[in-house]
Amino acid sequence: MERWVIEKKLNDDRAWLLETYSRLSDEQLFGDLTPSEHDPANYWSALDHLAHLALIERNFAAMIRRHVGGHPNPVGLREDDQGRPRTVEQIMASVHAMTEEWQREHHGKSFDEVVALGAAARAVTLQLLSELSDEQLNERLPGAPWADGTIGGVLAANADHGRMHWKWAKEAGVLDR
């Protein structure tokens, strides 16, 4: 994927996402919406879904930096650092625990505070994008199940991730409130 295509996709989808969430009322932003995948007694709000995107975007950038730095297992999902394979259940349990911790840390923040979280994460992504060569953008990120598995594809997947969470928020009835 070409650098300018990645940047355009990230910028276009971020602008769309911010406009879309900015139209929500406080009840739509802050109300309980979806049960947590880690603790079903804990509910995520639409704003929690938006904040979650910053965590994943930061994690993707860290994985790519580990790969560029020569780490043998930069993603670390399918197997641990000792090379032991993980089951899908183990992978998802660790992912859900990680996202739950982030959600609890940022739950109740204002819309502007959550936008700032996303802006900081996007700044990291855009900085990384500016540093990578065209060849690196087309390299496979070992263990990456997202997009086409290339570094560029993983960076661009941040845009798709936002739309996916918006779809889930709509399906959960955020617009019906």
Protein backbone atom coordinates (compact mmCIF):
# COMPACT_ATOMS: atom_id res chain seq x y z
CA MET A 1 0.00 0.00 0.00
CA GLU A 2 1.35 3.40 -0.92
CA ARG A 3 2.23 5.87 1.82
CA TRP A 4 -0.12 8.59 0.59
CA VAL A 5 -3.01 6.09 0.42
CA ILE A 6 -2.39 5.05 4.01
CA GLU A 7 -2.22 8.65 5.22
CA LYS A 8 -5.35 9.65 3.31
CA LYS A 9 -7.29 6.68 4.65
CA LEU A 10 -6.20 7.44 8.21
CA ASN A 11 -7.06 11.14 7.90
CA ASP A 12 -10.37 10.66 6.10
CA ASP A 13 -11.62 8.01 8.48
CA ARG A 14 -10.48 9.92 11.58
CA ALA A 15 -12.34 13.02 10.39
CA TRP A 16 -15.45 10.91 9.70
CA LEU A 17 -15.23 9.22 13.09
CA LEU A 18 -14.86 12.51 14.97
CA GLU A 19 -17.76 14.09 13.11
CA THR A 20 -19.92 11.04 13.73
CA TYR A 21 -19.21 10.86 17.46
CA SER A 22 -19.50 14.65 17.87
CA ARG A 23 -23.16 14.41 16.82
CA LEU A 24 -24.02 12.13 19.74
CA SER A 25 -25.74 13.45 22.83
CA ASP A 26 -24.19 13.00 26.26
CA GLU A 27 -26.61 10.13 26.91
CA GLN A 28 -25.49 8.45 23.68
CA LEU A 29 -21.80 9.03 24.44
CA PHE A 30 -21.75 8.03 28.11
CA GLY A 31 -24.62 5.55 28.50
CA ASP A 32 -24.01 1.83 29.01
CA LEU A 33 -23.93 0.27 25.57
CA THR A 34 -22.16 -3.09 25.26
CA PRO A 35 -21.10 -5.63 27.87
CA SER A 36 -17.37 -6.08 28.27
CA GLU A 37 -15.84 -9.14 26.68
CA HIS A 38 -13.70 -9.56 29.83
CA ASP A 39 -16.27 -8.82 32.54
CA PRO A 40 -19.89 -8.91 31.29
CA ALA A 41 -20.97 -7.01 34.42
CA ASN A 42 -19.00 -4.01 33.13
CA TYR A 43 -20.56 -2.04 30.29
CA TRP A 44 -18.74 0.01 27.70
CA SER A 45 -20.13 3.30 26.48
CA ALA A 46 -19.85 4.61 22.93
CA LEU A 47 -17.06 6.86 24.20
CA ASP A 48 -15.26 3.81 25.64
CA HIS A 49 -15.30 2.31 22.15
CA LEU A 50 -13.76 5.50 20.76
CA ALA A 51 -11.10 5.55 23.50
CA HIS A 52 -10.28 1.89 22.82
CA LEU A 53 -9.10 2.81 19.33
CA ALA A 54 -6.20 4.80 20.78
CA LEU A 55 -4.94 1.78 22.71
CA ILE A 56 -4.94 -0.46 19.68
CA GLU A 57 -3.34 2.18 17.48
CA ARG A 58 -0.53 2.64 20.00
CA ASN A 59 -0.12 -1.13 20.22
CA PHE A 60 0.12 -1.49 16.44
CA ALA A 61 2.84 1.17 16.30
CA ALA A 62 4.75 -0.57 19.10
CA MET A 63 4.53 -3.92 17.27
CA ILE A 64 5.87 -2.35 14.09
CA ARG A 65 8.71 -0.67 15.97
CA ARG A 66 9.60 -4.00 17.57
CA HIS A 67 9.67 -5.64 14.13
CA VAL A 68 11.83 -2.90 12.64
CA GLY A 69 14.11 -3.25 15.66
CA GLY A 70 14.58 -6.96 14.96
CA HIS A 71 12.34 -8.50 17.61
CA PRO A 72 11.64 -12.12 16.62
CA ASN A 73 8.02 -12.03 17.84
CA PRO A 74 6.85 -8.42 17.41
CA VAL A 75 3.11 -9.09 17.59
CA GLY A 76 3.27 -11.72 20.33
CA LEU A 77 -0.25 -13.03 19.92
CA ARG A 78 0.01 -16.48 18.40
CA GLU A 79 2.96 -17.50 20.52
CA ASP A 80 4.70 -16.14 23.57
CA ASP A 81 8.30 -14.91 23.60
CA GLN A 82 9.50 -18.43 24.43
CA GLY A 83 7.89 -19.74 21.23
CA ARG A 84 5.05 -21.57 22.95
CA PRO A 85 1.85 -21.44 20.91
CA ARG A 86 -1.22 -19.82 22.39
CA THR A 87 -4.75 -21.01 21.84
CA VAL A 88 -7.37 -18.65 20.43
CA GLU A 89 -8.97 -18.67 23.88
CA GLN A 90 -5.70 -17.63 25.51
CA ILE A 91 -5.12 -14.91 22.94
CA MET A 92 -8.61 -13.48 23.31
CA ALA A 93 -8.50 -13.65 27.12
CA SER A 94 -5.29 -11.60 27.19
CA VAL A 95 -6.62 -9.12 24.62
CA HIS A 96 -9.89 -8.67 26.50
CA ALA A 97 -8.05 -8.20 29.82
CA MET A 98 -5.79 -5.57 28.24
CA THR A 99 -8.68 -3.66 26.68
CA GLU A 100 -10.68 -3.87 29.90
CA GLU A 101 -7.83 -2.29 31.85
CA TRP A 102 -7.68 0.57 29.32
CA GLN A 103 -11.45 1.01 29.37
CA ARG A 104 -11.56 1.23 33.15
CA GLU A 105 -8.67 3.72 33.16
CA HIS A 106 -10.38 6.05 30.66
CA HIS A 107 -14.08 5.44 31.40
CA GLY A 108 -15.93 8.68 32.12
CA LYS A 109 -13.44 10.97 30.40
CA SER A 110 -14.95 13.80 28.41
CA PHE A 111 -15.35 13.66 24.66
CA ASP A 112 -12.48 16.14 24.28
CA GLU A 113 -10.22 14.05 26.51
CA VAL A 114 -10.95 10.93 24.46
CA VAL A 115 -10.35 12.85 21.23
CA ALA A 116 -6.98 13.89 22.67
CA LEU A 117 -6.14 10.24 23.42
CA GLY A 118 -6.85 9.40 19.80
CA ALA A 119 -4.91 12.40 18.52
CA ALA A 120 -1.85 11.34 20.52
CA ALA A 121 -2.08 7.80 19.17
CA ARG A 122 -2.57 9.07 15.61
CA ALA A 123 0.47 11.33 16.00
CA VAL A 124 2.55 8.26 16.85
CA THR A 125 1.19 6.46 13.79
CA LEU A 126 1.85 9.35 11.43
CA GLN A 127 5.36 9.82 12.82
CA LEU A 128 6.06 6.13 12.28
CA LEU A 129 4.61 6.30 8.77
CA SER A 130 7.00 9.17 7.97
CA GLU A 131 10.00 7.15 9.15
CA LEU A 132 9.34 3.90 7.30
CA SER A 133 10.69 3.22 3.84
CA ASP A 134 8.45 2.10 1.00
CA GLU A 135 10.01 -1.34 1.29
CA GLN A 136 9.23 -1.51 5.00
CA LEU A 137 5.60 -0.54 4.40
CA ASN A 138 5.31 -3.60 2.15
CA GLU A 139 7.06 -5.99 4.57
CA ARG A 140 4.96 -8.56 6.35
CA LEU A 141 4.59 -8.00 10.07
CA PRO A 142 5.14 -11.52 11.42
CA GLY A 143 2.10 -12.77 13.31
CA ALA A 144 -0.17 -9.91 12.22
CA PRO A 145 -3.70 -11.14 11.47
CA TRP A 146 -4.92 -7.68 10.42
CA ALA A 147 -5.51 -6.43 6.89
CA ASP A 148 -3.06 -8.01 4.47
CA GLY A 149 -0.45 -8.50 7.18
CA THR A 150 1.93 -5.89 5.80
CA ILE A 151 3.17 -3.01 7.90
CA GLY A 152 1.31 -0.55 5.69
CA GLY A 153 -1.84 -2.65 5.87
CA VAL A 154 -1.67 -2.79 9.66
CA LEU A 155 -1.22 0.98 9.87
CA ALA A 156 -4.21 1.52 7.57
CA ALA A 157 -6.28 -0.97 9.58
CA ASN A 158 -6.56 1.67 12.29
CA ALA A 159 -9.10 3.44 10.08
CA ASP A 160 -11.15 0.28 9.58
CA HIS A 161 -11.04 -0.43 13.31
CA GLY A 162 -12.87 2.82 14.04
CA ARG A 163 -15.61 2.03 11.55
CA MET A 164 -15.96 -1.47 13.01
CA HIS A 165 -16.50 -0.09 16.52
CA TRP A 166 -19.00 2.46 15.21
CA LYS A 167 -20.91 -0.39 13.54
CA TRP A 168 -21.02 -2.25 16.86
CA ALA A 169 -22.20 0.88 18.66
CA LYS A 170 -24.99 1.33 16.10
CA GLU A 171 -25.99 -2.33 16.36
CA ALA A 172 -26.11 -1.97 20.15
CA GLY A 173 -28.57 0.89 19.75
CA VAL A 174 -26.50 4.00 20.43
CA LEU A 175 -28.64 5.97 17.98
CA ASP A 176 -31.86 4.80 19.64
CA ARG A 177 -31.11 6.65 22.86
